[in-house]
Amino acid sequence: MSSTDLAGDDFWERVRAAYPEQRPLLNLNNAAVSPPPLVVEQATIDAYRLVSQNPDSTMWQKLDAGLPDVKAQLAELIDCEPDEIALNRNSTEGLCTAIFGIPLSAGDRVVVSAWDYPSVLAAWRQRQDREGIEVVTAGFDLMDSDDDIVAAYAAALTPRTRVLQVTHMYHWTGRVVPAERLCRLARENGIRTVVDGAQIFAQMPVSFRELGCDYYITSLHKWMGAPVGNGMLVVRRDRIDDTWPLLAPFDPPPLRIDKFDHWNLGTYNSALQAGIAPATRLHKEIGVETIHARLRELTRYWVDLAQDIPGFRLHTPLDTENLGAVTLFSIDHLDNRAVERQLREIYRVHTKYREVRHLSGLRVSPGIYTRKDELDRFVSALREVVEKEYSERGPL
């Protein structure tokens, strides 16, 4: 599969054929979990059957023997060294490894935002309750400018600040923050950075080196298309030794990145990791720039169709090259949970209701396998739901 004929629909039809059919619902919630391509699905099934033959031998002596190559392939995509990558189950596990592993003392400060992933905030606040660190919130709105966001984080810094928690793309709305600028701000003040890259990795180009962060965490079962239950933690080499692992390692020191790896769980499902390599190969074959361009195109396509629907309100910045597949919209004066329910139950269209602080609405996130005629179907269904709801409400 070559991306040289990106402009033609034939290319994207071949991409579509590489994925399993999504049924019974039109899947517009790929930000939660993207389906693995068929080649990934088959590799995982084959590996699971292989494990069943002689589990003790095949899991650790055969399947795990391929993991160094998997890390090398991922390192090429994220722009780091293979010995800075740990493999785990998902972003939450990787984030908790960093959050609970960074050495801190009572009175040390950590800066977060109110928009960070709920389990991230809960983890930091658990350290606050147990250890006496102080969690400080940088105040900004997701529609604020990049300059305003950087200024909000800068205003929250004090000489006691030790860590900056940054969400590269917020799962609520798809807003991308200026992570590179925030990491530079932190370095200039001797502060560590933990970057939550769950939504942005594999959706658009990302470089660990250019970001300049200390910890970068992502899920491989979102935009990469690896089997569900695969994540990646990248730790800057000079931060590995003084960061505690989430689980005590099986092997004695000296350990490097190994102390954060999946096998410290005990027995785990090795077959799931057999799908990472084919997912990585397909991703590289299509190209991340091509993937990003397609997802941005699909988002602008459906929003352009929907923007004249009565009460339609978009909560994601549209006129930016950082736009991806994830957006949040709401319909004024309607119960958006009811809109979501009608789309799913009547029209078989699956979006995701999201609510945080003063924002609520429906998150839409097509995949690269999504066709434009399916987005036509979604917008047509949305229009019918809204017109019906408004007609039943009467004058506002």
Protein backbone atom coordinates (compact mmCIF):
# COMPACT_ATOMS: atom_id res chain seq x y z
CA MET A 1 0.00 0.00 0.00
CA SER A 2 1.53 3.30 -1.11
CA SER A 3 0.47 6.78 -0.07
CA THR A 4 1.57 8.28 -3.38
CA ASP A 5 -2.03 8.22 -4.64
CA LEU A 6 -3.42 9.89 -1.51
CA ALA A 7 -5.59 12.24 -3.58
CA GLY A 8 -7.67 9.39 -4.96
CA ASP A 9 -10.49 7.56 -3.22
CA ASP A 10 -9.03 4.22 -4.35
CA PHE A 11 -6.24 4.54 -1.81
CA TRP A 12 -8.63 5.00 1.09
CA GLU A 13 -10.85 2.17 -0.14
CA ARG A 14 -7.78 -0.10 0.12
CA VAL A 15 -7.20 1.21 3.63
CA ARG A 16 -10.82 0.49 4.46
CA ALA A 17 -10.42 -3.08 3.19
CA ALA A 18 -7.51 -3.55 5.62
CA TYR A 19 -9.86 -3.12 8.61
CA PRO A 20 -12.68 -5.28 10.00
CA GLU A 21 -16.23 -4.11 9.37
CA GLN A 22 -17.61 -2.04 12.24
CA ARG A 23 -21.08 -3.34 13.07
CA PRO A 24 -23.79 -3.04 14.13
CA LEU A 25 -22.83 0.61 14.76
CA LEU A 26 -21.11 3.23 12.66
CA ASN A 27 -18.04 3.70 14.86
CA LEU A 28 -17.26 7.38 15.43
CA ASN A 29 -15.57 6.82 18.79
CA ASN A 30 -12.10 5.74 17.70
CA ALA A 31 -10.58 8.02 20.34
CA ALA A 32 -11.57 5.40 22.91
CA VAL A 33 -10.31 2.29 21.13
CA SER A 34 -9.55 1.96 17.44
CA PRO A 35 -10.15 -1.40 15.76
CA PRO A 36 -6.96 -3.28 14.88
CA PRO A 37 -6.37 -3.86 11.16
CA LEU A 38 -7.10 -7.38 9.94
CA VAL A 39 -3.40 -8.26 9.71
CA VAL A 40 -3.00 -7.25 13.37
CA GLU A 41 -6.05 -9.23 14.41
CA GLN A 42 -4.73 -12.33 12.63
CA ALA A 43 -1.22 -12.00 14.09
CA THR A 44 -2.70 -11.83 17.57
CA ILE A 45 -4.94 -14.85 17.00
CA ASP A 46 -2.00 -16.83 15.60
CA ALA A 47 0.16 -15.88 18.57
CA TYR A 48 -2.54 -16.87 21.04
CA ARG A 49 -2.84 -20.27 19.40
CA LEU A 50 0.93 -20.62 19.50
CA VAL A 51 0.91 -19.85 23.21
CA SER A 52 -1.69 -22.55 23.78
CA GLN A 53 0.65 -25.23 22.41
CA ASN A 54 3.39 -24.81 25.04
CA PRO A 55 2.69 -21.69 27.13
CA ASP A 56 5.82 -21.71 29.27
CA SER A 57 8.04 -22.05 26.21
CA THR A 58 6.23 -20.09 23.53
CA MET A 59 5.38 -16.98 25.57
CA TRP A 60 8.80 -16.16 26.92
CA GLN A 61 11.22 -17.92 24.62
CA LYS A 62 9.52 -17.25 21.28
CA LEU A 63 7.12 -14.31 21.48
CA ASP A 64 9.13 -12.19 23.90
CA ALA A 65 12.24 -12.76 21.79
CA GLY A 66 10.74 -10.40 19.21
CA LEU A 67 10.17 -7.48 21.60
CA PRO A 68 13.58 -5.79 21.10
CA ASP A 69 12.71 -5.41 17.42
CA VAL A 70 9.26 -4.08 18.36
CA LYS A 71 10.89 -1.44 20.55
CA ALA A 72 13.27 -0.51 17.73
CA GLN A 73 10.34 0.04 15.37
CA LEU A 74 8.48 2.14 17.92
CA ALA A 75 11.62 4.15 18.71
CA GLU A 76 11.84 5.12 15.06
CA LEU A 77 8.27 6.43 15.15
CA ILE A 78 8.54 8.37 18.43
CA ASP A 79 12.16 9.50 17.86
CA CYS A 80 13.91 8.06 20.90
CA GLU A 81 16.27 5.19 21.70
CA PRO A 82 14.88 1.65 22.06
CA ASP A 83 16.37 1.42 25.55
CA GLU A 84 14.17 4.35 26.61
CA ILE A 85 10.94 2.45 25.81
CA ALA A 86 8.96 0.28 28.22
CA LEU A 87 5.94 -1.70 27.04
CA ASN A 88 2.86 -1.93 29.25
CA ARG A 89 -0.93 -2.22 28.96
CA ASN A 90 -2.18 1.34 28.41
CA SER A 91 -1.63 5.03 29.03
CA THR A 92 -3.10 4.94 32.54
CA GLU A 93 -0.52 2.37 33.61
CA GLY A 94 2.31 4.33 32.02
CA LEU A 95 1.15 7.61 33.53
CA CYS A 96 0.84 6.07 36.98
CA THR A 97 4.36 4.66 36.62
CA ALA A 98 5.67 8.18 36.12
CA ILE A 99 3.36 9.85 38.63
CA PHE A 100 4.10 7.46 41.48
CA GLY A 101 7.73 6.92 40.45
CA ILE A 102 9.07 10.49 40.45
CA PRO A 103 10.86 11.15 43.75
CA LEU A 104 9.08 13.96 45.62
CA SER A 105 8.98 15.24 49.20
CA ALA A 106 6.30 16.90 51.29
CA GLY A 107 5.81 20.49 50.13
CA ASP A 108 6.97 19.85 46.57
CA ARG A 109 4.55 21.18 43.95
CA VAL A 110 3.10 19.58 40.84
CA VAL A 111 1.26 21.68 38.25
CA VAL A 112 -1.68 20.07 36.45
CA SER A 113 -4.66 21.36 34.51
CA ALA A 114 -8.31 20.81 35.33
CA TRP A 115 -8.66 19.22 31.88
CA ASP A 116 -6.20 16.38 32.45
CA TYR A 117 -7.47 12.81 32.30
CA PRO A 118 -9.46 11.98 35.48
CA SER A 119 -7.23 9.08 36.57
CA VAL A 120 -4.17 11.31 36.14
CA LEU A 121 -5.61 13.92 38.48
CA ALA A 122 -6.68 11.20 40.92
CA ALA A 123 -3.17 9.74 40.97
CA TRP A 124 -1.51 13.08 41.71
CA ARG A 125 -4.07 13.84 44.41
CA GLN A 126 -3.42 10.45 45.98
CA ARG A 127 0.23 11.45 46.32
CA GLN A 128 -0.93 14.75 47.77
CA ASP A 129 -3.09 12.99 50.38
CA ARG A 130 -0.50 10.37 51.27
CA GLU A 131 2.78 12.28 51.01
CA GLY A 132 1.96 15.95 51.46
CA ILE A 133 2.95 17.19 48.02
CA GLU A 134 0.91 20.09 46.67
CA VAL A 135 -1.07 19.78 43.44
CA VAL A 136 -1.62 23.17 41.77
CA THR A 137 -3.97 23.78 38.84
CA ALA A 138 -3.07 25.99 35.88
CA GLY A 139 -6.23 27.85 34.91
CA PHE A 140 -7.18 28.16 31.24
CA ASP A 141 -9.97 27.30 28.80
CA LEU A 142 -9.58 24.79 25.99
CA MET A 143 -10.44 27.46 23.43
CA ASP A 144 -7.74 29.81 24.73
CA SER A 145 -4.73 30.65 22.56
CA ASP A 146 -1.42 28.79 22.85
CA ASP A 147 0.13 31.92 24.39
CA ASP A 148 -2.59 32.04 27.05
CA ILE A 149 -2.08 28.37 27.90
CA VAL A 150 1.68 28.78 28.28
CA ALA A 151 1.12 31.88 30.40
CA ALA A 152 -1.29 29.96 32.66
CA TYR A 153 1.29 27.26 33.35
CA ALA A 154 4.04 29.86 33.85
CA ALA A 155 1.90 31.72 36.38
CA ALA A 156 1.49 28.53 38.42
CA LEU A 157 5.23 27.92 38.82
CA THR A 158 7.08 28.62 42.06
CA PRO A 159 10.55 27.69 43.34
CA ARG A 160 8.91 24.59 44.89
CA THR A 161 7.50 23.29 41.59
CA ARG A 162 9.05 19.96 40.69
CA VAL A 163 6.76 18.49 37.99
CA LEU A 164 4.66 19.79 35.11
CA GLN A 165 1.87 17.47 33.95
CA VAL A 166 0.98 18.12 30.30
CA THR A 167 -1.75 16.56 28.18
CA HIS A 168 -0.60 16.82 24.57
CA MET A 169 -4.12 16.38 23.13
CA TYR A 170 -7.15 16.53 25.38
CA HIS A 171 -9.46 13.58 24.87
CA TRP A 172 -12.46 15.76 25.72
CA THR A 173 -12.25 17.99 22.64
CA GLY A 174 -9.13 17.12 20.64
CA ARG A 175 -7.41 20.38 21.60
CA VAL A 176 -3.64 20.16 21.11
CA VAL A 177 -1.55 22.25 23.48
CA PRO A 178 1.93 23.70 22.77
CA ALA A 179 3.68 20.84 24.55
CA GLU A 180 7.13 21.68 23.21
CA ARG A 181 6.92 25.21 24.62
CA LEU A 182 5.66 23.91 27.97
CA CYS A 183 8.48 21.38 28.21
CA ARG A 184 11.00 24.11 27.41
CA LEU A 185 9.46 26.30 30.13
CA ALA A 186 9.83 23.43 32.59
CA ARG A 187 13.46 22.69 31.64
CA GLU A 188 14.38 26.33 32.06
CA ASN A 189 13.11 26.10 35.63
CA GLY A 190 14.59 22.70 36.50
CA ILE A 191 11.18 21.00 36.44
CA ARG A 192 10.37 17.50 35.19
CA THR A 193 7.66 16.98 32.59
CA VAL A 194 5.16 14.14 32.25
CA VAL A 195 3.41 14.25 28.86
CA ASP A 196 0.18 12.35 28.30
CA GLY A 197 0.29 11.47 24.61
CA ALA A 198 -2.55 8.95 24.61
CA GLN A 199 -4.51 10.73 21.88
CA ILE A 200 -1.87 12.28 19.69
CA PHE A 201 0.70 9.53 19.08
CA ALA A 202 0.19 7.85 15.68
CA GLN A 203 -2.52 10.40 14.83
CA MET A 204 0.03 13.06 13.88
CA PRO A 205 3.84 13.36 13.91
CA VAL A 206 5.44 13.41 17.38
CA SER A 207 9.13 13.57 18.32
CA PHE A 208 10.22 12.73 21.86
CA ARG A 209 13.53 14.51 21.24
CA GLU A 210 11.93 17.70 19.94
CA LEU A 211 9.40 17.80 22.76
CA GLY A 212 12.21 17.62 25.29
CA CYS A 213 10.07 15.97 27.97
CA ASP A 214 11.16 13.52 30.64
CA TYR A 215 8.30 11.01 30.36
CA TYR A 216 6.04 10.41 27.36
CA ILE A 217 3.13 8.02 27.67
CA THR A 218 0.70 6.67 25.10
CA SER A 219 -1.67 3.84 24.23
CA LEU A 220 -0.90 1.72 21.19
CA HIS A 221 -4.51 0.50 20.85
CA LYS A 222 -5.84 3.91 19.90
CA TRP A 223 -4.47 5.50 16.73
CA MET A 224 -1.70 2.95 16.18
CA GLY A 225 -4.22 0.10 15.86
CA ALA A 226 -2.39 -2.43 18.04
CA PRO A 227 -4.50 -4.95 19.98
CA VAL A 228 -6.38 -3.68 23.01
CA GLY A 229 -4.12 -3.80 26.06
CA ASN A 230 -0.88 -2.31 24.67
CA GLY A 231 0.80 0.87 25.84
CA MET A 232 4.18 2.57 25.69
CA LEU A 233 6.16 4.54 28.27
CA VAL A 234 9.19 6.53 27.10
CA VAL A 235 11.58 7.66 29.82
CA ARG A 236 14.52 9.94 29.13
CA ARG A 237 17.66 7.93 29.77
CA ASP A 238 18.98 10.11 32.59
CA ARG A 239 15.63 9.86 34.43
CA ILE A 240 15.42 6.06 34.46
CA ASP A 241 17.63 5.30 37.48
CA ASP A 242 15.96 7.63 39.98
CA THR A 243 12.38 6.84 38.93
CA TRP A 244 10.67 4.11 40.95
CA PRO A 245 8.84 1.35 39.03
CA LEU A 246 5.13 0.97 39.65
CA LEU A 247 5.65 -2.73 40.41
CA ALA A 248 8.75 -4.16 42.07
CA PRO A 249 10.92 -5.77 39.36
CA PHE A 250 11.45 -9.51 39.27
CA ASP A 251 15.14 -9.28 38.40
CA PRO A 252 17.69 -7.76 40.77
CA PRO A 253 19.51 -4.50 39.97
CA PRO A 254 21.17 -3.15 37.97
CA LEU A 255 18.16 -2.47 35.79
CA ARG A 256 17.50 0.17 33.20
CA ILE A 257 14.24 0.53 31.28
CA ASP A 258 13.46 -3.13 32.07
CA LYS A 259 12.21 -2.19 35.51
CA PHE A 260 9.16 -0.48 33.96
CA ASP A 261 8.36 -3.26 31.47
CA HIS A 262 5.27 -5.44 31.30
CA TRP A 263 6.83 -8.61 32.70
CA ASN A 264 6.95 -7.17 36.20
CA LEU A 265 3.20 -7.85 36.24
CA GLY A 266 3.93 -11.55 36.55
CA THR A 267 2.22 -13.72 33.95
CA TYR A 268 0.56 -11.61 31.25
CA ASN A 269 -0.88 -12.15 27.77
CA SER A 270 2.17 -12.14 25.50
CA ALA A 271 0.01 -12.80 22.44
CA LEU A 272 -1.41 -9.27 22.60
CA GLN A 273 2.06 -7.83 21.99
CA ALA A 274 2.46 -9.93 18.85
CA GLY A 275 0.12 -7.47 17.16
CA ILE A 276 2.31 -4.41 17.76
CA ALA A 277 4.80 -5.15 14.95
CA PRO A 278 2.23 -5.53 12.13
CA ALA A 279 0.37 -2.45 13.40
CA THR A 280 3.62 -0.48 13.31
CA ARG A 281 4.47 -1.71 9.81
CA LEU A 282 1.07 -0.72 8.41
CA HIS A 283 1.26 2.65 10.11
CA LYS A 284 4.70 3.31 8.57
CA GLU A 285 3.51 2.09 5.18
CA ILE A 286 0.68 4.62 5.10
CA GLY A 287 2.77 7.34 6.77
CA VAL A 288 1.90 9.48 9.76
CA GLU A 289 1.74 12.67 7.70
CA THR A 290 -0.75 11.01 5.36
CA ILE A 291 -2.76 9.71 8.33
CA HIS A 292 -2.88 13.14 9.93
CA ALA A 293 -3.91 14.81 6.68
CA ARG A 294 -6.71 12.29 6.20
CA LEU A 295 -8.07 12.63 9.74
CA ARG A 296 -7.95 16.43 9.50
CA GLU A 297 -9.76 16.24 6.16
CA LEU A 298 -12.49 13.98 7.58
CA THR A 299 -13.05 16.29 10.54
CA ARG A 300 -13.36 19.40 8.42
CA TYR A 301 -15.62 17.52 6.02
CA TRP A 302 -18.27 16.54 8.57
CA VAL A 303 -18.09 19.83 10.48
CA ASP A 304 -18.67 21.76 7.25
CA LEU A 305 -21.77 19.64 6.62
CA ALA A 306 -23.08 20.08 10.16
CA GLN A 307 -22.38 23.71 10.91
CA ASP A 308 -25.78 24.95 9.68
CA ILE A 309 -27.72 22.53 11.90
CA PRO A 310 -29.76 24.61 14.38
CA GLY A 311 -27.92 25.08 17.67
CA PHE A 312 -24.72 23.39 16.47
CA ARG A 313 -21.73 24.54 18.53
CA LEU A 314 -18.17 23.27 18.06
CA HIS A 315 -15.84 23.21 21.07
CA THR A 316 -12.64 22.38 19.17
CA PRO A 317 -10.40 24.90 17.38
CA LEU A 318 -10.87 24.17 13.67
CA ASP A 319 -8.46 26.50 11.89
CA THR A 320 -5.22 24.89 12.99
CA GLU A 321 -2.82 22.41 11.44
CA ASN A 322 -2.94 20.53 14.76
CA LEU A 323 -6.54 19.55 14.10
CA GLY A 324 -6.98 15.79 14.11
CA ALA A 325 -9.84 13.32 14.32
CA VAL A 326 -11.15 14.29 17.77
CA THR A 327 -13.78 17.01 18.16
CA LEU A 328 -16.54 17.89 20.61
CA PHE A 329 -19.81 19.55 19.64
CA SER A 330 -23.07 20.34 21.39
CA ILE A 331 -26.57 21.38 20.36
CA ASP A 332 -27.86 24.45 22.18
CA HIS A 333 -30.97 24.02 24.35
CA LEU A 334 -31.05 20.22 23.96
CA ASP A 335 -30.12 17.35 26.26
CA ASN A 336 -27.04 16.15 24.41
CA ARG A 337 -27.14 12.80 26.17
CA ALA A 338 -30.54 12.26 24.57
CA VAL A 339 -29.09 13.25 21.19
CA GLU A 340 -26.34 10.65 21.63
CA ARG A 341 -28.87 8.01 22.62
CA GLN A 342 -31.10 8.66 19.61
CA LEU A 343 -28.15 8.58 17.21
CA ARG A 344 -27.15 5.20 18.57
CA GLU A 345 -30.55 3.55 19.10
CA ILE A 346 -32.43 4.85 16.06
CA TYR A 347 -29.68 5.54 13.50
CA ARG A 348 -26.98 3.10 14.68
CA VAL A 349 -24.36 5.84 14.88
CA HIS A 350 -21.97 5.67 17.82
CA THR A 351 -20.56 8.93 19.19
CA LYS A 352 -19.53 9.55 22.81
CA TYR A 353 -21.14 11.93 25.30
CA ARG A 354 -18.47 13.77 27.29
CA GLU A 355 -18.89 16.16 30.20
CA VAL A 356 -16.19 18.07 32.05
CA ARG A 357 -16.43 21.32 34.01
CA HIS A 358 -18.65 23.69 31.97
CA LEU A 359 -18.36 21.63 28.78
CA SER A 360 -20.67 18.88 27.64
CA GLY A 361 -21.46 17.45 24.26
CA LEU A 362 -20.79 14.64 21.82
CA ARG A 363 -17.26 13.62 20.91
CA VAL A 364 -16.77 12.55 17.30
CA SER A 365 -13.62 10.71 16.22
CA PRO A 366 -13.56 8.95 12.83
CA GLY A 367 -10.74 6.57 11.91
CA ILE A 368 -8.65 6.47 8.76
CA TYR A 369 -10.91 3.67 7.52
CA THR A 370 -14.02 5.90 7.79
CA ARG A 371 -15.63 6.83 4.47
CA LYS A 372 -17.08 10.24 3.71
CA ASP A 373 -20.45 8.73 2.81
CA GLU A 374 -20.58 7.40 6.39
CA LEU A 375 -20.01 10.92 7.68
CA ASP A 376 -22.84 12.03 5.36
CA ARG A 377 -25.01 9.43 7.08
CA PHE A 378 -23.98 10.68 10.53
CA VAL A 379 -24.70 14.34 9.76
CA SER A 380 -28.02 13.47 8.12
CA ALA A 381 -29.02 11.51 11.22
CA LEU A 382 -27.92 14.34 13.50
CA ARG A 383 -29.93 16.84 11.47
CA GLU A 384 -33.06 14.70 11.76
CA VAL A 385 -32.63 14.24 15.51
CA VAL A 386 -32.13 17.96 16.10
CA GLU A 387 -35.01 19.06 13.91
CA LYS A 388 -37.31 16.57 15.62
CA GLU A 389 -36.23 17.68 19.09
CA TYR A 390 -36.60 21.38 18.28
CA SER A 391 -40.05 20.84 16.73
CA GLU A 392 -41.23 19.02 19.83
CA ARG A 393 -39.89 21.73 22.13
CA GLY A 394 -41.70 24.53 20.39
CA PRO A 395 -40.55 28.19 20.56
CA LEU A 396 -37.62 28.81 22.92
